[in-house]
Amino acid sequence: MLIVGLGNPGPNYAHTRHNIGFMVIDALVARQNAHKISTSANAELFKFDNHFLLKPLTFMNLSGDAVVQVKSFYKVDDVVVIHDDLDLPFGTVRFKCGGGHGGHNGLRSIDAKIGKEYIRIRMGIGKPEHKGEVASYVLSGFTTQEKAYLQDRIEHTVEAVLYLLQNGLEDTSSKFTIKKFQIQ
């Protein structure tokens, strides 16, 4: 299975909402002691067991380039994409296969390169008050309150991915979906 975390490369973006997919991949690499098998201008690629962990190093709107290259080269059929979702409140986690991109440029790029039939792990980041603030919002850091829960959400998603590798999407969704999350 190819597990992709979406984000933007570079230290300026490392702790932003848009990079939550990268954060999960980093946690999976550490947890599984995955070894790096490639670093290029397009991607960082890690492997554990028969699974690949990918961080596209293109900017978000070109993520599909790295995904299709790895998928084709290693002849991987199953793809999971972990990404931020503006339409979900912070802390929620949902799972689905296929669907639209919802305005997410990383998903739009992947859809264009490999089609829409892949598993999506949607991590809620909330949304700004005004639509015109979306770009600055996703590229901003988490609030102090959100940071208190962020590592827990990342670890929860790591557990979900590892469970998914052994079980189906339906079972994983049933066990790991968080529909409502309240910051206290």
N, C-alpha and C. Protein backbone atom coordinates (compact mmCIF):
# COMPACT_ATOMS: atom_id res chain seq x y z
N MET A 1 0.84 -1.18 0.00
CA MET A 1 0.00 0.00 0.00
C MET A 1 0.89 1.25 0.00
N LEU A 2 0.45 2.26 -0.72
CA LEU A 2 1.13 3.55 -0.74
C LEU A 2 0.34 4.51 0.14
N ILE A 3 0.98 5.01 1.18
CA ILE A 3 0.34 5.93 2.12
C ILE A 3 0.99 7.29 1.91
N VAL A 4 0.17 8.25 1.52
CA VAL A 4 0.64 9.59 1.15
C VAL A 4 0.16 10.59 2.18
N GLY A 5 1.06 11.40 2.68
CA GLY A 5 0.67 12.52 3.53
C GLY A 5 0.86 13.80 2.75
N LEU A 6 -0.17 14.63 2.71
CA LEU A 6 -0.06 15.88 1.95
C LEU A 6 0.47 17.01 2.81
N GLY A 7 1.24 17.88 2.16
CA GLY A 7 1.81 19.05 2.82
C GLY A 7 2.62 19.85 1.80
N ASN A 8 3.23 20.89 2.29
CA ASN A 8 4.12 21.71 1.47
C ASN A 8 5.53 21.57 2.02
N PRO A 9 6.53 21.55 1.15
CA PRO A 9 7.91 21.37 1.61
C PRO A 9 8.48 22.64 2.24
N GLY A 10 9.47 22.44 3.10
CA GLY A 10 10.21 23.57 3.65
C GLY A 10 9.81 23.93 5.07
N PRO A 11 10.75 24.52 5.79
CA PRO A 11 10.53 24.85 7.20
C PRO A 11 9.44 25.90 7.43
N ASN A 12 9.18 26.75 6.46
CA ASN A 12 8.14 27.77 6.64
C ASN A 12 6.75 27.16 6.77
N TYR A 13 6.57 25.96 6.25
CA TYR A 13 5.26 25.32 6.25
C TYR A 13 5.15 24.16 7.25
N ALA A 14 6.25 23.81 7.89
CA ALA A 14 6.33 22.58 8.68
C ALA A 14 5.21 22.42 9.71
N HIS A 15 4.82 23.46 10.37
CA HIS A 15 3.85 23.33 11.46
C HIS A 15 2.51 23.97 11.12
N THR A 16 2.19 24.03 9.84
CA THR A 16 0.94 24.65 9.43
C THR A 16 -0.17 23.61 9.30
N ARG A 17 -1.40 24.11 9.26
CA ARG A 17 -2.57 23.23 9.13
C ARG A 17 -2.51 22.38 7.87
N HIS A 18 -2.03 22.96 6.79
CA HIS A 18 -1.98 22.26 5.51
C HIS A 18 -1.00 21.08 5.54
N ASN A 19 -0.13 21.03 6.53
CA ASN A 19 0.90 19.99 6.60
C ASN A 19 0.58 18.86 7.56
N ILE A 20 -0.67 18.75 7.96
CA ILE A 20 -1.01 17.70 8.92
C ILE A 20 -0.75 16.31 8.34
N GLY A 21 -0.88 16.15 7.02
CA GLY A 21 -0.57 14.87 6.39
C GLY A 21 0.90 14.51 6.53
N PHE A 22 1.78 15.50 6.35
CA PHE A 22 3.22 15.28 6.57
C PHE A 22 3.48 14.86 8.01
N MET A 23 2.79 15.50 8.96
CA MET A 23 2.99 15.20 10.38
C MET A 23 2.65 13.74 10.67
N VAL A 24 1.59 13.24 10.06
CA VAL A 24 1.21 11.84 10.26
C VAL A 24 2.26 10.91 9.64
N ILE A 25 2.75 11.23 8.46
CA ILE A 25 3.78 10.40 7.83
C ILE A 25 5.04 10.38 8.70
N ASP A 26 5.44 11.53 9.22
CA ASP A 26 6.61 11.58 10.10
C ASP A 26 6.42 10.67 11.32
N ALA A 27 5.22 10.69 11.89
CA ALA A 27 4.92 9.85 13.06
C ALA A 27 4.92 8.36 12.67
N LEU A 28 4.41 8.04 11.49
CA LEU A 28 4.43 6.65 11.01
C LEU A 28 5.87 6.18 10.77
N VAL A 29 6.68 7.03 10.18
CA VAL A 29 8.09 6.68 9.95
C VAL A 29 8.76 6.34 11.28
N ALA A 30 8.55 7.19 12.28
CA ALA A 30 9.16 6.96 13.59
C ALA A 30 8.61 5.69 14.25
N ARG A 31 7.30 5.53 14.23
CA ARG A 31 6.66 4.39 14.90
C ARG A 31 7.07 3.07 14.27
N GLN A 32 7.13 3.02 12.96
CA GLN A 32 7.41 1.77 12.25
C GLN A 32 8.89 1.60 11.93
N ASN A 33 9.70 2.58 12.35
CA ASN A 33 11.13 2.54 12.05
C ASN A 33 11.35 2.32 10.55
N ALA A 34 10.56 3.04 9.77
CA ALA A 34 10.63 2.92 8.31
C ALA A 34 11.97 3.48 7.83
N HIS A 35 12.47 2.89 6.78
CA HIS A 35 13.74 3.37 6.24
C HIS A 35 13.49 4.16 4.95
N LYS A 36 14.30 5.19 4.81
CA LYS A 36 14.19 6.04 3.64
C LYS A 36 14.78 5.30 2.45
N ILE A 37 14.00 5.24 1.38
CA ILE A 37 14.52 4.57 0.18
C ILE A 37 14.79 5.56 -0.95
N SER A 38 14.28 6.79 -0.80
CA SER A 38 14.52 7.76 -1.86
C SER A 38 14.21 9.17 -1.39
N THR A 39 15.05 10.08 -1.83
CA THR A 39 14.76 11.50 -1.70
C THR A 39 15.10 12.13 -3.04
N SER A 40 14.14 12.83 -3.57
CA SER A 40 14.37 13.51 -4.84
C SER A 40 13.77 14.90 -4.73
N ALA A 41 13.80 15.62 -5.82
CA ALA A 41 13.17 16.94 -5.84
C ALA A 41 11.66 16.81 -5.69
N ASN A 42 11.12 15.65 -6.06
CA ASN A 42 9.68 15.44 -6.02
C ASN A 42 9.16 14.85 -4.73
N ALA A 43 9.98 14.07 -4.01
CA ALA A 43 9.41 13.32 -2.88
C ALA A 43 10.45 12.76 -1.93
N GLU A 44 9.97 12.49 -0.71
CA GLU A 44 10.68 11.65 0.25
C GLU A 44 9.87 10.37 0.34
N LEU A 45 10.54 9.23 0.19
CA LEU A 45 9.85 7.95 0.19
C LEU A 45 10.49 7.03 1.22
N PHE A 46 9.63 6.43 2.03
CA PHE A 46 10.06 5.51 3.08
C PHE A 46 9.35 4.18 2.87
N LYS A 47 9.91 3.13 3.50
CA LYS A 47 9.29 1.82 3.38
C LYS A 47 9.38 1.07 4.70
N PHE A 48 8.30 0.37 5.02
CA PHE A 48 8.31 -0.62 6.09
C PHE A 48 7.44 -1.77 5.63
N ASP A 49 7.84 -2.99 5.97
CA ASP A 49 7.18 -4.19 5.47
C ASP A 49 7.01 -4.04 3.95
N ASN A 50 5.80 -4.17 3.44
CA ASN A 50 5.56 -4.00 2.00
C ASN A 50 4.83 -2.70 1.72
N HIS A 51 4.95 -1.73 2.60
CA HIS A 51 4.20 -0.48 2.48
C HIS A 51 5.14 0.70 2.28
N PHE A 52 4.67 1.65 1.50
CA PHE A 52 5.43 2.86 1.21
C PHE A 52 4.78 4.06 1.88
N LEU A 53 5.60 4.96 2.40
CA LEU A 53 5.15 6.21 3.00
C LEU A 53 5.74 7.34 2.16
N LEU A 54 4.87 8.21 1.65
CA LEU A 54 5.30 9.23 0.72
C LEU A 54 4.95 10.63 1.21
N LYS A 55 5.94 11.50 1.13
CA LYS A 55 5.74 12.94 1.35
C LYS A 55 6.12 13.64 0.04
N PRO A 56 5.13 14.04 -0.76
CA PRO A 56 5.46 14.77 -1.98
C PRO A 56 6.16 16.08 -1.64
N LEU A 57 7.28 16.35 -2.28
CA LEU A 57 8.02 17.58 -2.00
C LEU A 57 7.78 18.65 -3.06
N THR A 58 6.81 18.39 -3.90
CA THR A 58 6.31 19.42 -4.79
C THR A 58 5.39 20.27 -3.93
N PHE A 59 4.98 21.41 -4.38
CA PHE A 59 3.98 22.11 -3.60
C PHE A 59 2.65 21.40 -3.77
N MET A 60 1.71 21.71 -2.88
CA MET A 60 0.45 20.99 -2.78
C MET A 60 -0.22 20.75 -4.13
N ASN A 61 -0.28 21.77 -4.97
CA ASN A 61 -1.03 21.64 -6.22
C ASN A 61 -0.36 20.74 -7.26
N LEU A 62 0.81 20.19 -6.94
CA LEU A 62 1.48 19.25 -7.84
C LEU A 62 1.70 17.89 -7.17
N SER A 63 1.01 17.62 -6.08
CA SER A 63 1.20 16.38 -5.32
C SER A 63 1.00 15.13 -6.17
N GLY A 64 0.08 15.20 -7.12
CA GLY A 64 -0.20 14.04 -7.96
C GLY A 64 0.99 13.56 -8.76
N ASP A 65 1.92 14.47 -9.09
CA ASP A 65 3.11 14.08 -9.86
C ASP A 65 3.92 13.03 -9.10
N ALA A 66 4.17 13.28 -7.83
CA ALA A 66 4.95 12.33 -7.02
C ALA A 66 4.17 11.04 -6.79
N VAL A 67 2.86 11.16 -6.54
CA VAL A 67 2.04 9.97 -6.28
C VAL A 67 2.05 9.04 -7.49
N VAL A 68 1.81 9.57 -8.68
CA VAL A 68 1.75 8.71 -9.87
C VAL A 68 3.11 8.10 -10.18
N GLN A 69 4.20 8.83 -9.93
CA GLN A 69 5.53 8.27 -10.17
C GLN A 69 5.81 7.07 -9.28
N VAL A 70 5.53 7.22 -7.98
CA VAL A 70 5.78 6.12 -7.04
C VAL A 70 4.83 4.95 -7.32
N LYS A 71 3.57 5.26 -7.53
CA LYS A 71 2.56 4.22 -7.80
C LYS A 71 2.96 3.41 -9.03
N SER A 72 3.39 4.08 -10.08
CA SER A 72 3.76 3.40 -11.33
C SER A 72 5.07 2.61 -11.19
N PHE A 73 6.08 3.25 -10.61
CA PHE A 73 7.40 2.62 -10.51
C PHE A 73 7.36 1.35 -9.66
N TYR A 74 6.67 1.44 -8.50
CA TYR A 74 6.61 0.30 -7.57
C TYR A 74 5.40 -0.60 -7.81
N LYS A 75 4.58 -0.27 -8.81
CA LYS A 75 3.40 -1.06 -9.17
C LYS A 75 2.48 -1.29 -7.96
N VAL A 76 2.15 -0.19 -7.30
CA VAL A 76 1.28 -0.22 -6.12
C VAL A 76 -0.15 0.03 -6.57
N ASP A 77 -1.06 -0.83 -6.13
CA ASP A 77 -2.47 -0.66 -6.51
C ASP A 77 -3.23 0.22 -5.52
N ASP A 78 -3.02 0.00 -4.23
CA ASP A 78 -3.81 0.68 -3.20
C ASP A 78 -3.12 1.93 -2.69
N VAL A 79 -3.86 3.03 -2.68
CA VAL A 79 -3.34 4.31 -2.24
C VAL A 79 -4.23 4.88 -1.13
N VAL A 80 -3.59 5.40 -0.10
CA VAL A 80 -4.27 6.11 0.99
C VAL A 80 -3.67 7.50 1.03
N VAL A 81 -4.52 8.53 1.07
CA VAL A 81 -4.04 9.91 1.15
C VAL A 81 -4.56 10.52 2.45
N ILE A 82 -3.64 11.05 3.24
CA ILE A 82 -3.97 11.71 4.50
C ILE A 82 -3.85 13.21 4.26
N HIS A 83 -4.95 13.93 4.54
CA HIS A 83 -4.96 15.35 4.23
C HIS A 83 -5.79 16.16 5.20
N ASP A 84 -5.52 17.45 5.21
CA ASP A 84 -6.31 18.40 5.99
C ASP A 84 -7.65 18.61 5.30
N ASP A 85 -8.68 18.91 6.12
CA ASP A 85 -10.00 19.15 5.56
C ASP A 85 -10.64 20.35 6.24
N LEU A 86 -10.84 21.39 5.47
CA LEU A 86 -11.46 22.63 5.96
C LEU A 86 -12.92 22.44 6.36
N ASP A 87 -13.59 21.48 5.76
CA ASP A 87 -15.01 21.29 6.01
C ASP A 87 -15.30 20.52 7.29
N LEU A 88 -14.25 20.06 7.96
CA LEU A 88 -14.43 19.34 9.21
C LEU A 88 -13.84 20.15 10.36
N PRO A 89 -14.52 20.17 11.50
CA PRO A 89 -13.98 20.88 12.66
C PRO A 89 -12.64 20.28 13.09
N PHE A 90 -11.81 21.11 13.69
CA PHE A 90 -10.52 20.64 14.18
C PHE A 90 -10.73 19.41 15.07
N GLY A 91 -9.87 18.42 14.86
CA GLY A 91 -9.86 17.24 15.71
C GLY A 91 -10.69 16.08 15.19
N THR A 92 -11.56 16.32 14.22
CA THR A 92 -12.34 15.23 13.67
C THR A 92 -11.49 14.45 12.66
N VAL A 93 -11.82 13.18 12.52
CA VAL A 93 -11.11 12.31 11.58
C VAL A 93 -12.17 11.46 10.88
N ARG A 94 -12.13 11.47 9.57
CA ARG A 94 -13.10 10.69 8.80
C ARG A 94 -12.40 9.96 7.67
N PHE A 95 -13.07 8.93 7.18
CA PHE A 95 -12.50 8.04 6.17
C PHE A 95 -13.49 7.87 5.03
N LYS A 96 -12.98 7.81 3.82
CA LYS A 96 -13.83 7.50 2.67
C LYS A 96 -12.98 7.05 1.51
N CYS A 97 -13.65 6.43 0.56
CA CYS A 97 -12.99 6.06 -0.68
C CYS A 97 -13.65 6.83 -1.81
N GLY A 98 -12.85 7.47 -2.62
CA GLY A 98 -13.37 8.22 -3.75
C GLY A 98 -14.02 9.52 -3.31
N GLY A 99 -14.68 10.16 -4.26
CA GLY A 99 -15.34 11.43 -3.99
C GLY A 99 -14.64 12.58 -4.67
N GLY A 100 -15.14 13.76 -4.40
CA GLY A 100 -14.58 14.97 -4.99
C GLY A 100 -13.40 15.50 -4.19
N HIS A 101 -12.79 16.52 -4.73
CA HIS A 101 -11.62 17.12 -4.07
C HIS A 101 -12.01 18.21 -3.09
N GLY A 102 -13.24 18.71 -3.14
CA GLY A 102 -13.69 19.72 -2.20
C GLY A 102 -12.87 21.00 -2.22
N GLY A 103 -12.25 21.30 -3.35
CA GLY A 103 -11.43 22.50 -3.46
C GLY A 103 -10.01 22.32 -2.98
N HIS A 104 -9.66 21.13 -2.50
CA HIS A 104 -8.30 20.86 -2.01
C HIS A 104 -7.39 20.62 -3.21
N ASN A 105 -6.40 21.48 -3.41
CA ASN A 105 -5.55 21.40 -4.58
C ASN A 105 -4.68 20.14 -4.63
N GLY A 106 -4.30 19.64 -3.48
CA GLY A 106 -3.53 18.39 -3.46
C GLY A 106 -4.37 17.23 -3.97
N LEU A 107 -5.61 17.13 -3.51
CA LEU A 107 -6.51 16.08 -3.98
C LEU A 107 -6.83 16.26 -5.46
N ARG A 108 -7.03 17.50 -5.87
CA ARG A 108 -7.32 17.79 -7.28
C ARG A 108 -6.19 17.26 -8.16
N SER A 109 -4.95 17.49 -7.75
CA SER A 109 -3.79 17.04 -8.50
C SER A 109 -3.71 15.51 -8.54
N ILE A 110 -3.95 14.87 -7.41
CA ILE A 110 -3.90 13.41 -7.35
C ILE A 110 -5.02 12.81 -8.21
N ASP A 111 -6.23 13.37 -8.09
CA ASP A 111 -7.36 12.89 -8.91
C ASP A 111 -7.01 12.94 -10.39
N ALA A 112 -6.36 14.01 -10.82
CA ALA A 112 -6.02 14.17 -12.24
C ALA A 112 -5.00 13.14 -12.70
N LYS A 113 -4.16 12.67 -11.78
CA LYS A 113 -3.08 11.74 -12.16
C LYS A 113 -3.46 10.26 -12.01
N ILE A 114 -4.24 9.92 -10.96
CA ILE A 114 -4.53 8.49 -10.72
C ILE A 114 -6.02 8.18 -10.64
N GLY A 115 -6.87 9.17 -10.81
CA GLY A 115 -8.30 8.95 -10.66
C GLY A 115 -8.73 9.22 -9.23
N LYS A 116 -10.00 9.00 -8.95
CA LYS A 116 -10.57 9.37 -7.65
C LYS A 116 -10.74 8.20 -6.69
N GLU A 117 -10.50 7.00 -7.15
CA GLU A 117 -10.78 5.83 -6.33
C GLU A 117 -9.59 5.43 -5.46
N TYR A 118 -9.37 6.21 -4.43
CA TYR A 118 -8.36 5.89 -3.43
C TYR A 118 -8.94 6.26 -2.07
N ILE A 119 -8.35 5.72 -1.03
CA ILE A 119 -8.83 5.97 0.33
C ILE A 119 -8.33 7.33 0.79
N ARG A 120 -9.23 8.07 1.41
CA ARG A 120 -8.88 9.39 1.95
C ARG A 120 -9.09 9.38 3.46
N ILE A 121 -8.08 9.83 4.16
CA ILE A 121 -8.21 10.06 5.60
C ILE A 121 -8.25 11.56 5.78
N ARG A 122 -9.42 12.04 6.15
CA ARG A 122 -9.69 13.48 6.23
C ARG A 122 -9.52 13.93 7.68
N MET A 123 -8.57 14.82 7.91
CA MET A 123 -8.31 15.34 9.25
C MET A 123 -8.82 16.78 9.33
N GLY A 124 -9.79 16.98 10.18
CA GLY A 124 -10.41 18.30 10.30
C GLY A 124 -9.46 19.34 10.87
N ILE A 125 -9.45 20.50 10.21
CA ILE A 125 -8.63 21.62 10.69
C ILE A 125 -9.50 22.85 10.95
N GLY A 126 -10.81 22.72 10.76
CA GLY A 126 -11.69 23.88 10.92
C GLY A 126 -11.57 24.80 9.73
N LYS A 127 -12.30 25.91 9.79
CA LYS A 127 -12.25 26.86 8.68
C LYS A 127 -12.25 28.28 9.21
N PRO A 128 -11.75 29.20 8.41
CA PRO A 128 -11.73 30.60 8.82
C PRO A 128 -13.15 31.19 8.76
N GLU A 129 -13.32 32.33 9.39
CA GLU A 129 -14.62 33.00 9.39
C GLU A 129 -15.05 33.41 8.00
N HIS A 130 -14.10 33.91 7.20
CA HIS A 130 -14.43 34.42 5.87
C HIS A 130 -13.74 33.59 4.79
N LYS A 131 -14.47 33.31 3.71
CA LYS A 131 -13.94 32.51 2.61
C LYS A 131 -12.64 33.05 2.03
N GLY A 132 -12.49 34.36 2.01
CA GLY A 132 -11.30 34.98 1.45
C GLY A 132 -10.04 34.74 2.25
N GLU A 133 -10.17 34.15 3.43
CA GLU A 133 -9.02 33.91 4.31
C GLU A 133 -8.51 32.47 4.23
N VAL A 134 -9.06 31.66 3.33
CA VAL A 134 -8.72 30.23 3.29
C VAL A 134 -7.22 30.01 3.10
N ALA A 135 -6.61 30.66 2.13
CA ALA A 135 -5.17 30.44 1.86
C ALA A 135 -4.31 30.77 3.07
N SER A 136 -4.57 31.90 3.69
CA SER A 136 -3.76 32.26 4.86
C SER A 136 -4.07 31.35 6.05
N TYR A 137 -5.30 30.89 6.14
CA TYR A 137 -5.70 30.01 7.25
C TYR A 137 -4.98 28.66 7.17
N VAL A 138 -5.03 28.01 6.00
CA VAL A 138 -4.40 26.68 5.90
C VAL A 138 -2.88 26.77 6.02
N LEU A 139 -2.31 27.93 5.72
CA LEU A 139 -0.86 28.09 5.83
C LEU A 139 -0.44 28.69 7.17
N SER A 140 -1.40 28.80 8.09
CA SER A 140 -1.08 29.30 9.43
C SER A 140 -0.90 28.12 10.39
N GLY A 141 -0.30 28.43 11.53
CA GLY A 141 -0.09 27.40 12.54
C GLY A 141 -1.36 27.15 13.34
N PHE A 142 -1.32 26.10 14.13
CA PHE A 142 -2.44 25.77 15.00
C PHE A 142 -2.47 26.70 16.20
N THR A 143 -3.65 26.92 16.75
CA THR A 143 -3.77 27.75 17.94
C THR A 143 -3.16 27.01 19.14
N THR A 144 -2.94 27.72 20.20
CA THR A 144 -2.40 27.10 21.42
C THR A 144 -3.34 26.00 21.91
N GLN A 145 -4.65 26.25 21.87
CA GLN A 145 -5.62 25.24 22.30
C GLN A 145 -5.55 24.01 21.40
N GLU A 146 -5.47 24.23 20.09
CA GLU A 146 -5.40 23.10 19.15
C GLU A 146 -4.11 22.31 19.33
N LYS A 147 -3.02 23.00 19.60
CA LYS A 147 -1.74 22.31 19.79
C LYS A 147 -1.79 21.33 20.95
N ALA A 148 -2.62 21.62 21.95
CA ALA A 148 -2.75 20.73 23.10
C ALA A 148 -3.33 19.37 22.69
N TYR A 149 -4.06 19.31 21.59
CA TYR A 149 -4.69 18.08 21.13
C TYR A 149 -4.07 17.52 19.86
N LEU A 150 -3.23 18.28 19.20
CA LEU A 150 -2.72 17.92 17.89
C LEU A 150 -1.98 16.59 17.89
N GLN A 151 -1.07 16.39 18.83
CA GLN A 151 -0.29 15.15 18.85
C GLN A 151 -1.20 13.94 19.06
N ASP A 152 -2.22 14.10 19.88
CA ASP A 152 -3.19 13.02 20.09
C ASP A 152 -3.92 12.68 18.80
N ARG A 153 -4.30 13.69 18.02
CA ARG A 153 -4.99 13.45 16.74
C ARG A 153 -4.05 12.76 15.75
N ILE A 154 -2.80 13.17 15.75
CA ILE A 154 -1.81 12.53 14.87
C ILE A 154 -1.64 11.06 15.25
N GLU A 155 -1.47 10.79 16.53
CA GLU A 155 -1.29 9.41 17.00
C GLU A 155 -2.53 8.57 16.72
N HIS A 156 -3.70 9.16 16.88
CA HIS A 156 -4.95 8.47 16.56
C HIS A 156 -4.96 8.05 15.08
N THR A 157 -4.54 8.95 14.22
CA THR A 157 -4.52 8.67 12.79
C THR A 157 -3.46 7.63 12.44
N VAL A 158 -2.32 7.66 13.11
CA VAL A 158 -1.31 6.62 12.92
C VAL A 158 -1.90 5.25 13.27
N GLU A 159 -2.58 5.17 14.39
CA GLU A 159 -3.23 3.91 14.80
C GLU A 159 -4.23 3.46 13.74
N ALA A 160 -4.99 4.41 13.21
CA ALA A 160 -5.98 4.09 12.18
C ALA A 160 -5.31 3.53 10.92
N VAL A 161 -4.22 4.16 10.50
CA VAL A 161 -3.51 3.68 9.31
C VAL A 161 -3.00 2.26 9.53
N LEU A 162 -2.39 2.03 10.67
CA LEU A 162 -1.86 0.69 10.96
C LEU A 162 -2.98 -0.35 11.03
N TYR A 163 -4.11 0.04 11.57
CA TYR A 163 -5.27 -0.85 11.61
C TYR A 163 -5.78 -1.12 10.19
N LEU A 164 -5.83 -0.08 9.37
CA LEU A 164 -6.29 -0.19 7.99
C LEU A 164 -5.45 -1.18 7.19
N LEU A 165 -4.16 -1.25 7.47
CA LEU A 165 -3.28 -2.16 6.75
C LEU A 165 -3.66 -3.63 6.98
N GLN A 166 -4.31 -3.90 8.10
CA GLN A 166 -4.69 -5.28 8.44
C GLN A 166 -6.18 -5.55 8.27
N ASN A 167 -6.97 -4.49 8.15
CA ASN A 167 -8.42 -4.60 8.13
C ASN A 167 -8.97 -3.76 6.98
N GLY A 168 -10.22 -3.84 6.72
CA GLY A 168 -10.82 -3.07 5.65
C GLY A 168 -11.13 -1.64 6.03
N LEU A 169 -11.49 -0.86 5.02
CA LEU A 169 -11.86 0.54 5.23
C LEU A 169 -13.07 0.66 6.12
N GLU A 170 -14.07 -0.18 5.91
CA GLU A 170 -15.30 -0.10 6.70
C GLU A 170 -15.01 -0.33 8.19
N ASP A 171 -14.22 -1.35 8.51
CA ASP A 171 -13.88 -1.61 9.91
C ASP A 171 -13.06 -0.47 10.50
N THR A 172 -12.12 0.03 9.71
CA THR A 172 -11.28 1.13 10.18
C THR A 172 -12.12 2.37 10.44
N SER A 173 -12.99 2.68 9.52
CA SER A 173 -13.87 3.84 9.67
C SER A 173 -14.75 3.70 10.90
N SER A 174 -15.30 2.53 11.09
CA SER A 174 -16.16 2.27 12.24
C SER A 174 -15.42 2.45 13.57
N LYS A 175 -14.18 2.03 13.61
CA LYS A 175 -13.41 2.07 14.86
C LYS A 175 -12.74 3.42 15.12
N PHE A 176 -12.34 4.13 14.05
CA PHE A 176 -11.49 5.31 14.24
C PHE A 176 -12.10 6.65 13.84
N THR A 177 -13.30 6.66 13.28
CA THR A 177 -13.93 7.93 12.92
C THR A 177 -14.21 8.74 14.18
N ILE A 178 -13.86 10.02 14.12
CA ILE A 178 -14.21 10.96 15.19
C ILE A 178 -15.06 12.03 14.52
N LYS A 179 -16.38 11.96 14.76
CA LYS A 179 -17.30 12.87 14.09
C LYS A 179 -17.39 14.22 14.78
N LYS A 180 -17.25 14.21 16.08
CA LYS A 180 -17.32 15.47 16.82
C LYS A 180 -16.15 15.53 17.78
N PHE A 181 -15.56 16.70 17.86
CA PHE A 181 -14.45 16.88 18.78
C PHE A 181 -14.58 18.27 19.38
N GLN A 182 -14.53 18.34 20.66
CA GLN A 182 -14.71 19.60 21.37
C GLN A 182 -13.42 19.95 22.12
N ILE A 183 -12.86 21.10 21.77
CA ILE A 183 -11.69 21.59 22.53
C ILE A 183 -12.20 22.12 23.85
N GLN A 184 -11.55 21.67 24.90
CA GLN A 184 -11.98 22.09 26.25
C GLN A 184 -11.02 23.09 26.85
